[in-house]
């Protein structure tokens, strides 16, 4: 890259990225007097133009017992969407939907469903807001590279920043956090996560009566179980002081491919939540506490870890900037054990290819849209919790994908829902520059026999271009780099004293109405069993589709999730 081009890149990034990041993350060099609250508008290329977004950060410091952590981590942040014609004061809105993200998920994952819901409500004459919470641990993330690449319109800016030692605006990537830098996350479990939501609601909507009247609490995936605990939680430990009870912070609940229920998320239907007595639960909690300290961040050697979750954001950047460009990201990715193993696990067509590396995944010629589709589409991505329905491969030849799952496994009882419900396909030709794999969007499927073997328009609901934008644009990103191990473990510790002493309102989820929206291709969960729950099954949707589905659907009907959320916001009574 020439020095002149570098100068242009640096200037663009400094203006468009670093200023925003600095305002949002409040770096450690900030004034000794903390800024109580910042709100920065978010620029967006979304086709839903009657909704505006901002990123809000509120000072809510961790207690003195917290281990050393960056100053930025004493702030709670969320993405706020509201109608362009709506009131500036959140308390004056007709309703506020507050969402907890799922596992390995950031606030940016709600970009499409939030915009669509606020827009649908406005069309019906109501001004609502949608807030997507970002977990405190996300303060460790560094989005300078991806935001810089967007500003410079060059994905290589991101790879040079994260892997090449390049500086952007005088900042150099410090590497993915580990060791002492993440030790404080061992205490970011269930209690702190719920406290953060409670504190944020109190600070942003100080009047408890307004919160009860206007706030709807919910979430996606893991966020449904967090909402269940929130509803039952007593934040001062005194059941006689009801204003601080979780169920009194919300007037209703919503569940997106999940259920609102406290307890252990059921991995297999029919296995009940085990509420162990304290005499059994407390020693287990002590033991798992050592695991939290040793492994404060939930990560695997490949596929799921900070580096690979950021890889999805970079794939979104490449597809956003140049959807028809060929191998823009793959050609500039470094070779390391983590990335190479991740690409093999997710994209190999069979076990031989995954084991030997022949042919290499990197030898595939594919457009940037096709690469993103291969990573997240339900006809390619093997794991159900990472799937969306974003179209299908173009006219290029495919074979049944036979790794890491086998053809037909998606139809097996018990384990099938963990894989989604779609037949999996993989490219058949590697290393031939004359065969470039392309992508047909959800509303542009071809009529070929090949496509018909794997999908049809009724089961495609998310636009690949809007999924790419959601991965790339929001300053609080779609994926989560540093998910605290403690949060997962605590969900299964409902009988421990530390949780039991705050879980004082076991009927909390029954105190308010619930709207549950579950996709037919999503994570299969049992019904909540709650008499106030109103479940709706959404045809053709996978686990991520409840967040990412396009405003305009192939059925010519309104998008289901956002339409139902807007209706619920207008009148949360069953």
Protein backbone atom coordinates (compact mmCIF):
# COMPACT_ATOMS: atom_id res chain seq x y z
CA UNK A 1 0.00 0.00 0.00
CA UNK A 2 1.44 3.39 -0.97
CA UNK A 3 2.24 6.06 1.62
CA UNK A 4 -0.41 8.30 0.09
CA UNK A 5 -3.02 5.59 0.45
CA UNK A 6 -1.91 4.91 4.00
CA UNK A 7 -2.42 8.60 4.78
CA UNK A 8 -5.94 8.50 3.40
CA UNK A 9 -6.71 5.34 5.35
CA UNK A 10 -5.37 6.81 8.57
CA UNK A 11 -7.40 9.97 8.13
CA UNK A 12 -10.61 8.13 7.36
CA UNK A 13 -10.17 5.75 10.24
CA UNK A 14 -9.28 8.47 12.69
CA UNK A 15 -12.46 10.39 11.88
CA UNK A 16 -14.88 7.53 11.31
CA UNK A 17 -13.67 4.91 13.76
CA UNK A 18 -11.35 6.00 16.50
CA UNK A 19 -13.37 9.00 17.60
CA UNK A 20 -16.44 6.81 17.96
CA UNK A 21 -14.56 4.00 19.67
CA UNK A 22 -12.95 6.43 22.10
CA UNK A 23 -16.28 8.00 22.96
CA UNK A 24 -17.95 4.63 23.42
CA UNK A 25 -15.29 2.72 25.30
CA UNK A 26 -13.99 5.53 27.52
CA UNK A 27 -10.30 4.55 27.56
CA UNK A 28 -8.17 4.26 30.67
CA UNK A 29 -6.51 7.58 29.91
CA UNK A 30 -9.81 9.40 30.35
CA UNK A 31 -10.24 12.11 32.99
CA UNK A 32 -10.08 11.11 36.65
CA UNK A 33 -13.63 12.40 36.89
CA UNK A 34 -15.68 9.80 34.99
CA UNK A 35 -18.23 10.92 32.45
CA UNK A 36 -21.60 9.69 33.79
CA UNK A 37 -23.11 8.97 30.36
CA UNK A 38 -22.28 9.23 26.69
CA UNK A 39 -24.50 8.68 23.67
CA UNK A 40 -23.03 8.58 20.17
CA UNK A 41 -25.12 8.27 16.96
CA UNK A 42 -24.45 5.18 14.85
CA UNK A 43 -24.15 5.60 11.09
CA UNK A 44 -25.91 2.85 9.19
CA UNK A 45 -26.55 1.72 5.63
CA UNK A 46 -29.68 -0.19 6.68
CA UNK A 47 -32.61 -0.06 4.24
CA UNK A 48 -34.84 0.59 7.27
CA UNK A 49 -34.42 4.35 7.30
CA UNK A 50 -37.19 5.40 9.69
CA UNK A 51 -35.16 4.14 12.67
CA UNK A 52 -32.04 5.71 14.15
CA UNK A 53 -29.48 4.07 16.41
CA UNK A 54 -26.98 5.22 19.01
CA UNK A 55 -24.53 3.57 21.36
CA UNK A 56 -24.96 4.51 25.01
CA UNK A 57 -22.38 4.05 27.76
CA UNK A 58 -23.23 4.61 31.43
CA UNK A 59 -20.75 4.76 34.29
CA UNK A 60 -21.49 1.86 36.66
CA UNK A 61 -18.17 0.86 38.25
CA UNK A 62 -17.37 -2.58 39.54
CA UNK A 63 -16.96 -2.82 43.29
CA UNK A 64 -13.65 -2.51 45.15
CA UNK A 65 -13.34 -6.29 45.34
CA UNK A 66 -12.96 -6.56 41.54
CA UNK A 67 -9.60 -7.59 40.16
CA UNK A 68 -7.68 -5.05 38.03
CA UNK A 69 -9.52 -4.19 34.84
CA UNK A 70 -9.51 -1.39 32.23
CA UNK A 71 -11.37 1.83 33.03
CA UNK A 72 -13.62 1.11 30.05
CA UNK A 73 -14.95 -1.91 31.93
CA UNK A 74 -16.50 0.32 34.58
CA UNK A 75 -19.07 1.34 31.98
CA UNK A 76 -22.18 -0.49 30.82
CA UNK A 77 -23.04 -0.09 27.15
CA UNK A 78 -26.03 -0.81 24.96
CA UNK A 79 -27.32 -0.11 21.48
CA UNK A 80 -30.44 2.02 21.41
CA UNK A 81 -32.82 2.06 18.45
CA UNK A 82 -35.76 4.48 18.25
CA UNK A 83 -38.07 5.94 15.65
CA UNK A 84 -36.74 9.05 13.93
CA UNK A 85 -40.05 10.69 14.86
CA UNK A 86 -40.06 9.38 18.42
CA UNK A 87 -39.24 11.23 21.64
CA UNK A 88 -35.60 11.79 22.56
CA UNK A 89 -36.32 10.88 26.18
CA UNK A 90 -36.63 7.12 26.58
CA UNK A 91 -39.07 7.50 29.46
CA UNK A 92 -41.46 9.25 27.05
CA UNK A 93 -41.48 6.32 24.63
CA UNK A 94 -44.57 4.14 24.48
CA UNK A 95 -42.52 1.05 25.32
CA UNK A 96 -38.88 -0.02 25.73
CA UNK A 97 -37.78 -3.54 24.80
CA UNK A 98 -34.57 -4.52 26.61
CA UNK A 99 -32.75 -7.59 25.26
CA UNK A 100 -30.08 -9.84 26.73
CA UNK A 101 -27.85 -11.44 24.07
CA UNK A 102 -27.15 -15.15 23.76
CA UNK A 103 -23.89 -16.97 24.22
CA UNK A 104 -20.95 -15.57 22.19
CA UNK A 105 -23.29 -12.78 21.10
CA UNK A 106 -23.00 -9.01 21.33
CA UNK A 107 -25.51 -6.18 21.13
CA UNK A 108 -25.00 -5.82 17.37
CA UNK A 109 -26.72 -9.17 16.78
CA UNK A 110 -30.08 -7.43 17.36
CA UNK A 111 -29.50 -4.86 14.59
CA UNK A 112 -32.12 -6.18 12.15
CA UNK A 113 -34.84 -7.30 14.56
CA UNK A 114 -34.53 -4.05 16.52
CA UNK A 115 -34.88 -1.84 13.46
CA UNK A 116 -37.71 -3.93 12.04
CA UNK A 117 -39.61 -3.94 15.34
CA UNK A 118 -39.31 -0.19 15.94
CA UNK A 119 -40.34 0.43 12.32
CA UNK A 120 -43.34 -1.91 12.56
CA UNK A 121 -44.48 -0.20 15.75
CA UNK A 122 -44.15 3.23 14.16
CA UNK A 123 -46.23 2.11 11.18
CA UNK A 124 -48.94 1.14 13.68
CA UNK A 125 -48.75 4.54 15.38
CA UNK A 126 -46.54 3.69 18.36
CA UNK A 127 -43.08 5.04 19.24
CA UNK A 128 -41.09 2.35 20.97
CA UNK A 129 -37.41 1.79 21.66
CA UNK A 130 -35.29 -1.34 21.47
CA UNK A 131 -32.19 -1.66 23.67
CA UNK A 132 -29.66 -4.46 23.13
CA UNK A 133 -27.36 -4.92 26.12
CA UNK A 134 -23.65 -5.55 25.72
CA UNK A 135 -22.06 -7.66 28.44
CA UNK A 136 -19.42 -5.87 30.50
CA UNK A 137 -16.74 -8.30 29.27
CA UNK A 138 -17.03 -6.87 25.76
CA UNK A 139 -15.08 -3.82 26.94
CA UNK A 140 -11.93 -5.86 26.23
CA UNK A 141 -12.66 -6.03 22.50
CA UNK A 142 -10.77 -3.93 19.97
CA UNK A 143 -12.84 -3.12 16.88
CA UNK A 144 -10.35 -0.61 15.48
CA UNK A 145 -9.40 -2.95 12.64
CA UNK A 146 -12.90 -3.81 11.43
CA UNK A 147 -14.22 -0.27 11.83
CA UNK A 148 -11.08 0.99 10.09
CA UNK A 149 -11.56 -1.41 7.19
CA UNK A 150 -15.11 -0.16 6.71
CA UNK A 151 -13.97 3.45 6.72
CA UNK A 152 -11.14 2.75 4.26
CA UNK A 153 -13.29 0.35 2.18
CA UNK A 154 -10.49 -2.22 2.31
CA UNK A 155 -10.66 -5.44 4.33
CA UNK A 156 -6.85 -5.66 4.26
CA UNK A 157 -6.79 -2.75 6.71
CA UNK A 158 -8.35 -5.10 9.27
CA UNK A 159 -6.05 -8.06 8.62
CA UNK A 160 -2.98 -5.80 8.62
CA UNK A 161 -4.09 -4.36 11.96
CA UNK A 162 -4.92 -7.65 13.67
CA UNK A 163 -2.10 -9.73 12.16
CA UNK A 164 0.45 -7.49 10.48
CA UNK A 165 1.37 -5.08 13.26
CA UNK A 166 -0.01 -2.07 11.39
CA UNK A 167 -1.11 0.99 13.31
CA UNK A 168 -4.37 2.81 12.78
CA UNK A 169 -4.50 6.36 14.04
CA UNK A 170 -1.51 5.65 16.28
CA UNK A 171 -3.06 2.55 17.82
CA UNK A 172 -1.57 -0.94 17.51
CA UNK A 173 -3.44 -4.17 18.28
CA UNK A 174 -2.27 -5.52 21.64
CA UNK A 175 -3.33 -9.09 20.87
CA UNK A 176 -6.26 -11.13 22.10
CA UNK A 177 -6.55 -10.74 25.86
CA UNK A 178 -5.56 -13.64 28.09
CA UNK A 179 -4.01 -14.38 31.48
CA UNK A 180 -4.06 -11.52 33.98
CA UNK A 181 -5.95 -9.30 31.52
CA UNK A 182 -9.00 -11.57 31.74
CA UNK A 183 -8.69 -12.79 35.35
CA UNK A 184 -11.36 -10.33 36.53
CA UNK A 185 -13.93 -12.07 34.30
CA UNK A 186 -14.04 -14.99 36.75
CA UNK A 187 -16.41 -12.83 38.82
CA UNK A 188 -18.62 -11.83 35.87
CA UNK A 189 -21.15 -14.56 36.41
CA UNK A 190 -24.91 -14.61 36.85
CA UNK A 191 -25.14 -12.26 39.83
CA UNK A 192 -23.02 -9.52 38.22
CA UNK A 193 -24.77 -9.88 34.85
CA UNK A 194 -28.21 -9.46 36.43
CA UNK A 195 -26.97 -6.62 38.61
CA UNK A 196 -25.62 -4.87 35.52
CA UNK A 197 -29.03 -5.03 33.84
CA UNK A 198 -30.77 -3.78 36.98
CA UNK A 199 -28.31 -0.92 37.46
CA UNK A 200 -28.56 0.11 33.82
CA UNK A 201 -32.36 0.21 33.98
CA UNK A 202 -32.27 2.25 37.21
CA UNK A 203 -29.80 4.74 35.78
CA UNK A 204 -31.56 5.16 32.44
CA UNK A 205 -35.17 5.03 33.70
CA UNK A 206 -34.94 6.16 37.34
CA UNK A 207 -38.66 5.90 38.16
CA UNK A 208 -39.51 2.29 39.05
CA UNK A 209 -43.16 2.87 38.19
CA UNK A 210 -42.17 3.93 34.67
CA UNK A 211 -39.97 0.85 34.32
CA UNK A 212 -42.81 -1.42 35.35
CA UNK A 213 -45.20 0.33 32.98
CA UNK A 214 -42.97 0.65 29.90
CA UNK A 215 -40.11 -1.86 29.96
CA UNK A 216 -40.35 -5.33 28.41
CA UNK A 217 -37.41 -7.62 29.28
CA UNK A 218 -36.28 -10.49 27.10
CA UNK A 219 -33.50 -12.04 25.14
CA UNK A 220 -32.23 -14.45 22.55
CA UNK A 221 -30.98 -17.97 23.27
CA UNK A 222 -29.12 -17.84 26.60
CA UNK A 223 -30.71 -14.43 27.11
CA UNK A 224 -34.08 -16.08 27.75
CA UNK A 225 -32.71 -17.95 30.75
CA UNK A 226 -31.00 -14.80 32.01
CA UNK A 227 -34.37 -13.06 31.77
CA UNK A 228 -35.95 -15.90 33.76
CA UNK A 229 -33.43 -15.43 36.54
CA UNK A 230 -33.84 -11.65 36.36
CA UNK A 231 -37.59 -12.01 36.90
CA UNK A 232 -37.02 -14.08 40.07
CA UNK A 233 -34.12 -12.02 41.45
CA UNK A 234 -34.33 -9.80 44.52
CA UNK A 235 -31.59 -7.21 44.30
CA UNK A 236 -31.42 -6.21 47.96
CA UNK A 237 -32.02 -9.69 49.35
CA UNK A 238 -35.13 -8.56 51.19
CA UNK A 239 -38.37 -10.01 49.78
CA UNK A 240 -40.42 -7.41 51.65
CA UNK A 241 -39.05 -4.51 49.58
CA UNK A 242 -40.70 -5.19 46.24
CA UNK A 243 -39.47 -2.20 44.22
CA UNK A 244 -36.12 -3.90 43.59
CA UNK A 245 -37.60 -7.28 42.56
CA UNK A 246 -36.73 -8.23 39.00
CA UNK A 247 -40.32 -8.76 37.91
CA UNK A 248 -41.09 -5.20 39.01
CA UNK A 249 -38.57 -3.77 36.54
CA UNK A 250 -40.54 -5.10 33.57
CA UNK A 251 -44.15 -5.20 32.48
CA UNK A 252 -43.66 -8.30 30.31
CA UNK A 253 -41.09 -10.66 28.84
CA UNK A 254 -40.14 -11.84 25.36
CA UNK A 255 -38.17 -14.89 24.22
CA UNK A 256 -36.43 -15.22 20.84
CA UNK A 257 -35.74 -18.88 20.02
CA UNK A 258 -35.53 -19.57 23.73
CA UNK A 259 -37.81 -19.66 26.76
CA UNK A 260 -38.08 -17.30 29.71
CA UNK A 261 -37.25 -19.63 32.56
CA UNK A 262 -34.72 -19.70 35.37
CA UNK A 263 -32.57 -22.78 35.81
CA UNK A 264 -30.30 -24.89 33.67
CA UNK A 265 -30.94 -24.59 29.91
CA UNK A 266 -32.10 -28.08 28.88
CA UNK A 267 -29.68 -29.65 26.45
CA UNK A 268 -32.10 -32.49 25.76
CA UNK A 269 -35.88 -32.33 25.96
CA UNK A 270 -37.39 -34.24 28.85
CA UNK A 271 -34.49 -33.71 31.27
CA UNK A 272 -35.78 -31.49 34.09
CA UNK A 273 -33.85 -28.69 35.75
CA UNK A 274 -32.14 -30.06 38.85
CA UNK A 275 -32.60 -27.64 41.75
CA UNK A 276 -30.15 -29.29 44.10
CA UNK A 277 -30.22 -28.64 47.85
CA UNK A 278 -27.58 -26.22 49.11
CA UNK A 279 -25.70 -29.03 50.88
CA UNK A 280 -25.00 -30.57 47.49
CA UNK A 281 -24.98 -27.45 45.31
CA UNK A 282 -22.53 -25.39 47.38
CA UNK A 283 -19.58 -27.83 47.15
CA UNK A 284 -20.17 -28.07 43.40
CA UNK A 285 -20.23 -24.28 43.19
CA UNK A 286 -16.93 -24.10 45.09
CA UNK A 287 -15.39 -26.60 42.70
CA UNK A 288 -16.61 -24.84 39.57
CA UNK A 289 -15.40 -21.55 41.03
CA UNK A 290 -11.85 -22.88 40.65
CA UNK A 291 -12.64 -23.61 37.00
CA UNK A 292 -13.87 -20.04 36.52
CA UNK A 293 -10.59 -18.73 37.92
CA UNK A 294 -8.49 -21.04 35.76
CA UNK A 295 -10.54 -20.48 32.58
CA UNK A 296 -12.29 -17.10 32.95
CA UNK A 297 -13.12 -16.96 29.22
CA UNK A 298 -15.10 -19.75 27.56
CA UNK A 299 -13.00 -20.66 24.53
CA UNK A 300 -11.94 -23.68 22.50
CA UNK A 301 -8.62 -24.24 20.71
CA UNK A 302 -10.46 -23.65 17.41
CA UNK A 303 -13.90 -22.67 16.04
CA UNK A 304 -14.99 -20.71 19.13
CA UNK A 305 -12.53 -18.27 20.69
CA UNK A 306 -11.82 -14.52 20.51
CA UNK A 307 -9.89 -14.78 17.26
CA UNK A 308 -12.54 -16.76 15.39
CA UNK A 309 -15.46 -14.66 16.58
CA UNK A 310 -13.62 -11.63 15.22
CA UNK A 311 -13.08 -13.59 12.00
CA UNK A 312 -16.86 -13.57 11.45
CA UNK A 313 -16.87 -9.79 11.77
CA UNK A 314 -14.11 -9.54 9.15
CA UNK A 315 -16.09 -11.86 6.85
CA UNK A 316 -18.99 -9.45 7.27
CA UNK A 317 -16.74 -6.53 6.37
CA UNK A 318 -15.52 -8.26 3.20
CA UNK A 319 -19.07 -9.12 2.10
CA UNK A 320 -20.30 -5.62 2.89
CA UNK A 321 -17.54 -3.85 0.98
CA UNK A 322 -17.40 -6.14 -2.06
CA UNK A 323 -20.02 -8.92 -2.06
CA UNK A 324 -19.00 -10.19 -5.51
CA UNK A 325 -15.26 -9.89 -4.93
CA UNK A 326 -13.40 -13.21 -4.89
CA UNK A 327 -11.55 -14.43 -1.79
CA UNK A 328 -10.96 -10.92 -0.43
CA UNK A 329 -10.66 -12.19 3.14
CA UNK A 330 -9.36 -15.71 2.64
CA UNK A 331 -6.43 -14.52 0.55
CA UNK A 332 -5.18 -12.17 3.29
CA UNK A 333 -5.83 -14.34 6.35
CA UNK A 334 -2.66 -15.60 8.00
CA UNK A 335 -1.86 -19.27 8.39
CA UNK A 336 -2.03 -20.26 12.02
CA UNK A 337 -3.27 -23.33 13.84
CA UNK A 338 -6.47 -21.73 15.07
CA UNK A 339 -7.65 -20.24 11.77
CA UNK A 340 -6.59 -23.23 9.67
CA UNK A 341 -8.32 -25.69 12.02
CA UNK A 342 -11.45 -23.55 12.18
CA UNK A 343 -11.72 -23.34 8.40
CA UNK A 344 -11.25 -27.11 8.12
CA UNK A 345 -13.91 -27.89 10.74
CA UNK A 346 -16.52 -25.51 9.34
CA UNK A 347 -15.90 -25.77 5.59
CA UNK A 348 -14.47 -29.22 4.76
CA UNK A 349 -16.75 -31.31 2.61
CA UNK A 350 -15.76 -34.62 4.26
CA UNK A 351 -13.55 -36.17 6.93
CA UNK A 352 -10.68 -36.87 4.52
CA UNK A 353 -10.47 -33.21 3.54
CA UNK A 354 -10.66 -32.12 7.18
CA UNK A 355 -7.95 -34.55 8.26
CA UNK A 356 -5.47 -34.16 5.42
CA UNK A 357 -6.13 -30.59 4.38
CA UNK A 358 -6.39 -31.76 0.77
CA UNK A 359 -7.86 -30.05 -1.06
CA UNK A 360 -7.25 -26.94 1.04
CA UNK A 361 -10.26 -24.84 1.94
CA UNK A 362 -8.21 -21.86 0.83
CA UNK A 363 -8.06 -23.24 -2.74
CA UNK A 364 -11.77 -22.62 -3.21
CA UNK A 365 -12.64 -19.72 -5.48
CA UNK A 366 -15.69 -18.01 -3.97
CA UNK A 367 -17.24 -14.59 -3.73
CA UNK A 368 -17.23 -12.84 -0.38
CA UNK A 369 -20.98 -13.39 -0.09
CA UNK A 370 -20.47 -17.12 -0.74
CA UNK A 371 -17.77 -17.31 1.96
CA UNK A 372 -20.07 -15.68 4.50
CA UNK A 373 -22.90 -17.97 3.42
CA UNK A 374 -20.68 -21.02 3.88
CA UNK A 375 -19.83 -19.86 7.40
CA UNK A 376 -23.37 -19.14 8.65
CA UNK A 377 -26.04 -20.51 6.30
CA UNK A 378 -28.07 -23.43 7.61
CA UNK A 379 -27.18 -25.50 4.50
CA UNK A 380 -23.48 -25.30 5.39
CA UNK A 381 -22.82 -24.26 9.01
CA UNK A 382 -22.92 -27.51 11.03
CA UNK A 383 -23.93 -26.11 14.42
CA UNK A 384 -27.52 -25.02 14.96
CA UNK A 385 -26.81 -22.09 17.28
CA UNK A 386 -24.75 -20.41 14.51
CA UNK A 387 -27.23 -20.84 11.65
CA UNK A 388 -29.29 -18.40 9.59
CA UNK A 389 -31.26 -18.97 6.37
CA UNK A 390 -29.57 -16.63 3.90
CA UNK A 391 -30.07 -18.24 0.48
CA UNK A 392 -27.96 -20.83 -1.31
CA UNK A 393 -24.96 -21.38 -3.56
CA UNK A 394 -25.39 -20.36 -7.20
CA UNK A 395 -25.16 -22.70 -10.20
CA UNK A 396 -21.76 -24.15 -9.24
CA UNK A 397 -21.69 -27.89 -8.40
CA UNK A 398 -22.11 -29.11 -4.82
CA UNK A 399 -22.05 -32.39 -2.91
CA UNK A 400 -23.65 -33.44 0.35
CA UNK A 401 -21.51 -32.09 3.20
CA UNK A 402 -20.26 -34.96 5.33
CA UNK A 403 -18.17 -33.22 7.99
CA UNK A 404 -18.30 -32.66 10.94
CA UNK A 405 -21.76 -34.19 10.68
CA UNK A 406 -23.00 -36.87 8.33
CA UNK A 407 -25.87 -36.50 5.85
CA UNK A 408 -29.20 -37.14 7.56
CA UNK A 409 -28.01 -36.48 11.11
CA UNK A 410 -30.16 -33.35 11.21
CA UNK A 411 -33.21 -35.63 11.20
CA UNK A 412 -32.15 -37.75 14.18
CA UNK A 413 -34.09 -37.40 17.43
CA UNK A 414 -32.46 -35.73 20.43
CA UNK A 415 -29.32 -34.44 18.70
CA UNK A 416 -30.88 -33.29 15.44
CA UNK A 417 -31.98 -29.87 16.64
CA UNK A 418 -28.43 -29.04 17.66
CA UNK A 419 -27.54 -29.23 13.96
CA UNK A 420 -30.50 -27.31 12.53
CA UNK A 421 -33.04 -28.91 10.24
CA UNK A 422 -31.48 -28.29 6.82
CA UNK A 423 -29.61 -30.65 4.56
CA UNK A 424 -25.95 -29.62 4.27
CA UNK A 425 -24.06 -28.91 1.03
CA UNK A 426 -20.43 -28.22 0.19
CA UNK A 427 -18.62 -27.08 -2.95
CA UNK A 428 -17.45 -29.92 -5.19
CA UNK A 429 -14.66 -28.13 -7.09
CA UNK A 430 -11.52 -26.64 -5.56
CA UNK A 431 -8.51 -25.00 -7.16
CA UNK A 432 -10.10 -24.14 -10.49
CA UNK A 433 -10.19 -20.37 -11.15
CA UNK A 434 -12.80 -21.00 -13.83
CA UNK A 435 -15.23 -22.24 -11.17
CA UNK A 436 -16.04 -19.37 -8.84
CA UNK A 437 -18.73 -20.13 -6.27
CA UNK A 438 -21.39 -17.43 -6.04
CA UNK A 439 -24.36 -16.85 -3.76
CA UNK A 440 -28.06 -16.39 -4.39
CA UNK A 441 -29.72 -14.30 -1.69
CA UNK A 442 -32.78 -15.44 0.27
CA UNK A 443 -35.14 -13.82 -2.23
CA UNK A 444 -33.19 -14.74 -5.37
CA UNK A 445 -32.95 -18.54 -5.36
CA UNK A 446 -32.61 -20.14 -8.77
CA UNK A 447 -35.04 -22.78 -9.99
CA UNK A 448 -32.42 -25.50 -10.46
CA UNK A 449 -32.82 -29.10 -9.31
CA UNK A 450 -29.64 -28.69 -7.28
CA UNK A 451 -31.08 -25.84 -5.20
CA UNK A 452 -34.39 -27.65 -4.79
CA UNK A 453 -32.60 -30.64 -3.23
CA UNK A 454 -31.48 -28.45 -0.34
CA UNK A 455 -33.89 -25.58 0.14
CA UNK A 456 -36.81 -23.54 -1.16
CA UNK A 457 -37.99 -19.92 -0.74
CA UNK A 458 -40.25 -20.72 2.21
CA UNK A 459 -37.25 -21.56 4.40
CA UNK A 460 -35.03 -18.64 3.41
CA UNK A 461 -35.70 -15.50 5.45
CA UNK A 462 -32.48 -13.51 6.03
CA UNK A 463 -30.74 -11.27 3.51
CA UNK A 464 -27.05 -12.09 3.22
CA UNK A 465 -26.27 -8.43 2.60
CA UNK A 466 -28.04 -7.36 5.79
CA UNK A 467 -26.41 -10.17 7.78
CA UNK A 468 -23.03 -8.94 6.52
CA UNK A 469 -23.92 -5.39 7.51
CA UNK A 470 -25.00 -6.51 11.00
CA UNK A 471 -21.70 -8.32 11.46
CA UNK A 472 -19.67 -5.36 10.26
CA UNK A 473 -21.30 -2.03 11.05
CA UNK A 474 -22.48 -1.77 14.68
CA UNK A 475 -19.79 -0.42 17.04
CA UNK A 476 -20.93 -3.00 19.60
CA UNK A 477 -20.48 -6.05 17.47
CA UNK A 478 -22.55 -9.10 16.58
CA UNK A 479 -20.14 -11.66 18.01
CA UNK A 480 -18.67 -11.76 21.51
CA UNK A 481 -14.95 -12.32 21.97
CA UNK A 482 -14.74 -12.89 25.72
CA UNK A 483 -17.75 -14.79 27.03
CA UNK A 484 -17.30 -15.38 30.80
CA UNK A 485 -17.14 -19.05 31.73
CA UNK A 486 -18.74 -18.20 35.08
CA UNK A 487 -22.00 -17.16 33.43
CA UNK A 488 -22.52 -20.55 31.79
CA UNK A 489 -21.66 -22.45 34.95
CA UNK A 490 -23.82 -20.29 37.22
CA UNK A 491 -26.91 -21.02 35.17
CA UNK A 492 -26.66 -24.62 36.35
CA UNK A 493 -26.05 -23.62 40.00
CA UNK A 494 -29.60 -22.54 40.84
CA UNK A 495 -29.51 -24.39 44.15
CA UNK A 496 -26.32 -22.82 45.47
CA UNK A 497 -26.58 -20.43 48.41
CA UNK A 498 -25.09 -17.52 46.44
CA UNK A 499 -27.91 -17.75 43.91
CA UNK A 500 -30.67 -19.02 46.17
CA UNK A 501 -30.36 -16.01 48.53
CA UNK A 502 -31.31 -13.68 45.66
CA UNK A 503 -33.71 -15.97 43.82
CA UNK A 504 -36.55 -15.09 46.17
CA UNK A 505 -39.46 -14.65 43.76
CA UNK A 506 -39.94 -18.08 42.19
CA UNK A 507 -43.17 -16.89 40.62
CA UNK A 508 -41.45 -13.90 38.99
CA UNK A 509 -41.93 -15.12 35.43
CA UNK A 510 -45.64 -15.68 36.13
CA UNK A 511 -46.14 -12.09 37.29
CA UNK A 512 -46.03 -10.73 33.73
CA UNK A 513 -47.13 -11.87 30.24
CA UNK A 514 -44.60 -13.59 27.97
CA UNK A 515 -44.26 -13.66 24.19
CA UNK A 516 -42.20 -16.61 22.92
CA UNK A 517 -41.10 -16.85 19.29
CA UNK A 518 -39.35 -20.08 18.26
CA UNK A 519 -38.12 -21.05 14.81
CA UNK A 520 -38.88 -24.42 13.30
CA UNK A 521 -35.18 -24.82 12.51
CA UNK A 522 -33.95 -23.29 15.75
CA UNK A 523 -32.79 -24.83 19.00
CA UNK A 524 -35.50 -27.24 20.09
CA UNK A 525 -36.61 -26.46 23.63
CA UNK A 526 -39.52 -27.65 25.74
CA UNK A 527 -42.39 -25.28 26.41
CA UNK A 528 -41.88 -23.05 29.43
CA UNK A 529 -44.99 -24.41 31.14
CA UNK A 530 -45.84 -20.85 32.16
CA UNK A 531 -49.58 -20.08 32.04
CA UNK A 532 -48.79 -16.50 30.95
CA UNK A 533 -46.66 -17.62 28.01
CA UNK A 534 -47.94 -17.11 24.46
CA UNK A 535 -45.75 -19.26 22.17
CA UNK A 536 -45.60 -18.69 18.42
CA UNK A 537 -43.80 -21.09 16.07
CA UNK A 538 -42.13 -19.29 13.17
CA UNK A 539 -41.88 -21.40 10.03
CA UNK A 540 -38.55 -21.57 8.20
CA UNK A 541 -36.54 -19.70 10.84
CA UNK A 542 -33.25 -20.92 12.28
CA UNK A 543 -31.64 -19.87 15.55
CA UNK A 544 -30.16 -16.60 14.25
CA UNK A 545 -33.05 -15.81 11.90
CA UNK A 546 -35.19 -14.56 14.79
CA UNK A 547 -32.64 -11.72 15.00
CA UNK A 548 -31.65 -11.29 11.36
CA UNK A 549 -34.73 -11.93 9.20
CA UNK A 550 -35.35 -9.36 6.47
CA UNK A 551 -38.15 -6.83 6.77
CA UNK A 552 -39.58 -8.04 3.44
CA UNK A 553 -40.23 -11.77 3.26
CA UNK A 554 -40.67 -14.21 0.37
CA UNK A 555 -44.22 -14.90 1.56
CA UNK A 556 -45.15 -11.25 0.87
CA UNK A 557 -46.35 -11.16 4.48
CA UNK A 558 -44.82 -8.94 7.18
CA UNK A 559 -41.75 -10.36 8.92
CA UNK A 560 -43.17 -12.43 11.79
CA UNK A 561 -40.83 -11.78 14.73
CA UNK A 562 -40.72 -8.00 14.49
CA UNK A 563 -44.45 -7.81 13.74
CA UNK A 564 -45.34 -9.86 16.81
CA UNK A 565 -42.90 -7.96 19.03
CA UNK A 566 -44.44 -4.67 17.89
CA UNK A 567 -47.93 -5.99 18.65
CA UNK A 568 -46.81 -7.19 22.07
CA UNK A 569 -45.22 -3.80 22.77
CA UNK A 570 -48.48 -2.08 21.89
CA UNK A 571 -50.51 -4.21 24.32
CA UNK A 572 -48.54 -6.67 26.49
CA UNK A 573 -51.59 -8.43 27.87
CA UNK A 574 -52.89 -11.93 27.11
